[in-house]
Protein backbone atom coordinates (compact mmCIF):
# COMPACT_ATOMS: atom_id res chain seq x y z
CA MET A 1 -35.39 -34.40 4.18
CA LYS A 2 -36.04 -38.07 4.55
CA LEU A 3 -37.69 -39.66 7.56
CA ALA A 4 -37.45 -43.38 8.22
CA VAL A 5 -40.24 -45.05 10.18
CA ILE A 6 -40.46 -48.46 11.72
CA ALA A 7 -42.79 -49.98 14.18
CA HIS A 8 -42.92 -53.38 15.94
CA ASP A 9 -46.08 -55.22 15.36
CA GLY A 10 -47.75 -54.01 18.57
CA LYS A 11 -46.94 -50.35 17.85
CA LYS A 12 -47.93 -50.12 14.06
CA ALA A 13 -51.34 -48.56 14.74
CA GLU A 14 -49.53 -46.04 17.05
CA MET A 15 -47.23 -45.21 14.30
CA VAL A 16 -50.04 -44.61 11.80
CA GLY A 17 -51.73 -42.48 14.36
CA PHE A 18 -48.61 -40.44 15.04
CA LEU A 19 -48.00 -39.98 11.26
CA ASN A 20 -51.67 -38.86 10.65
CA LYS A 21 -51.51 -36.46 13.63
CA HIS A 22 -48.41 -34.75 12.12
CA ILE A 23 -49.01 -35.10 8.38
CA ASP A 24 -49.51 -31.51 7.66
CA LEU A 25 -46.23 -30.62 9.11
CA LEU A 26 -44.44 -33.45 7.32
CA ASN A 27 -46.09 -32.27 4.03
CA GLN A 28 -45.30 -28.63 4.63
CA LYS A 29 -41.71 -29.46 5.26
CA ASN A 30 -41.73 -31.69 2.05
CA ILE A 31 -40.58 -34.57 4.18
CA GLN A 32 -40.12 -37.89 2.29
CA ILE A 33 -41.19 -40.94 4.46
CA ILE A 34 -39.68 -44.39 3.93
CA ALA A 35 -40.63 -47.36 6.05
CA THR A 36 -39.92 -50.99 6.55
CA GLY A 37 -42.43 -53.27 4.60
CA THR A 38 -45.17 -53.90 7.09
CA THR A 39 -45.09 -50.63 8.67
CA GLY A 40 -45.24 -49.02 5.36
CA LYS A 41 -48.13 -51.25 4.25
CA HIS A 42 -50.11 -50.04 7.32
CA ALA A 43 -49.17 -46.44 6.53
CA GLU A 44 -50.36 -46.77 2.89
CA ALA A 45 -53.51 -48.31 4.03
CA ALA A 46 -54.21 -45.27 6.02
CA GLY A 47 -53.69 -43.03 2.94
CA LEU A 48 -50.17 -42.03 3.67
CA LYS A 49 -47.49 -41.77 0.92
CA VAL A 50 -44.31 -43.82 1.91
CA GLU A 51 -41.57 -45.72 0.14
CA ARG A 52 -41.73 -49.29 1.41
CA LEU A 53 -38.56 -51.31 2.00
CA LEU A 54 -38.16 -54.83 3.08
CA SER A 55 -39.99 -56.06 6.26
CA GLY A 56 -37.77 -55.55 9.29
CA PRO A 57 -37.08 -59.18 10.02
CA LEU A 58 -36.19 -59.75 6.29
CA GLY A 59 -33.56 -56.84 6.25
CA GLY A 60 -35.70 -53.63 6.28
CA ASP A 61 -34.02 -52.45 9.36
CA ALA A 62 -30.60 -52.95 7.72
CA GLN A 63 -31.62 -51.12 4.65
CA ILE A 64 -32.62 -48.07 6.75
CA ALA A 65 -29.31 -48.37 8.60
CA ALA A 66 -27.43 -48.34 5.28
CA GLN A 67 -29.30 -45.21 4.17
CA VAL A 68 -28.43 -43.58 7.49
CA ALA A 69 -24.75 -44.41 7.15
CA GLU A 70 -24.84 -43.04 3.54
CA LYS A 71 -26.33 -39.85 4.88
CA GLN A 72 -29.59 -40.34 2.91
CA VAL A 73 -31.77 -40.49 6.04
CA ASP A 74 -32.07 -37.40 8.32
CA LEU A 75 -34.46 -38.76 11.08
CA VAL A 76 -35.60 -42.18 12.40
CA ILE A 77 -38.67 -42.99 14.32
CA PHE A 78 -38.77 -46.47 15.57
CA PHE A 79 -41.56 -47.28 17.69
CA ARG A 80 -40.28 -50.33 19.66
CA ASP A 81 -42.29 -52.87 21.72
CA PRO A 82 -40.05 -53.34 24.82
CA LEU A 83 -42.36 -55.84 26.24
CA ASP A 84 -42.10 -58.43 23.44
CA LYS A 85 -39.26 -60.50 21.94
CA HIS A 86 -38.11 -59.92 18.47
CA PRO A 87 -36.10 -62.31 16.48
CA HIS A 88 -34.35 -59.51 14.53
CA GLU A 89 -33.13 -57.73 17.60
CA PRO A 90 -29.54 -57.60 16.53
CA ASP A 91 -30.63 -55.59 13.37
CA VAL A 92 -32.51 -53.28 15.74
CA GLN A 93 -29.37 -52.73 17.86
CA MET A 94 -27.33 -52.18 14.72
CA LEU A 95 -29.80 -49.61 13.40
CA MET A 96 -29.57 -47.67 16.79
CA ARG A 97 -25.82 -47.88 16.89
CA VAL A 98 -25.54 -46.62 13.33
CA CYS A 99 -27.76 -43.71 14.11
CA ASP A 100 -25.57 -42.88 17.15
CA VAL A 101 -22.40 -43.24 15.01
CA HIS A 102 -23.81 -40.79 12.43
CA ASN A 103 -25.56 -38.43 14.82
CA VAL A 104 -28.93 -39.01 13.23
CA PRO A 105 -31.83 -38.29 15.55
CA LEU A 106 -33.69 -41.41 16.59
CA ALA A 107 -36.94 -41.44 18.41
CA THR A 108 -38.15 -44.84 19.88
CA ASN A 109 -41.43 -43.73 21.56
CA PRO A 110 -44.15 -41.13 20.68
CA ALA A 111 -43.10 -38.71 23.29
CA THR A 112 -39.51 -38.36 21.86
CA ALA A 113 -40.85 -38.48 18.37
CA THR A 114 -43.18 -35.59 19.03
CA LEU A 115 -40.34 -33.50 20.31
CA MET A 116 -38.28 -34.34 17.31
CA VAL A 117 -41.25 -33.30 14.99
CA LYS A 118 -41.67 -30.09 16.92
CA GLY A 119 -37.98 -29.37 16.52
CA MET A 120 -38.60 -29.58 12.70
CA MET A 121 -40.80 -26.60 13.02
CA SER A 122 -37.80 -24.45 13.64
CA ASP A 123 -35.79 -23.21 10.48
CA GLU A 124 -32.80 -23.07 12.71
CA GLU A 125 -30.30 -25.82 12.40
């Protein structure tokens, strides 16, 4: 199973904290984590193992969307900062649309991400 993680600049620390809080479950379920470049850099600095793609504004969001469309990503967690402007907002919207089109779970805040991770504890599909 592959999890993609993305976080806007104001949410990167929150993403790293979230991943650290749930790392035991992610490891137990053998979840591979991919991340946009800067989010991945922060996760690696915290000792997490992630595959880093391009930074979001440089195409990382689009790379993740492509993997979602190709059925290579099973879950997406994208901690968005709704109170700030983002120059790559069209890429963000495209990623969210691709997740909807391909029925891939997408969490955009810690509360939803927690429910998604708790759902992974169940062996039922």
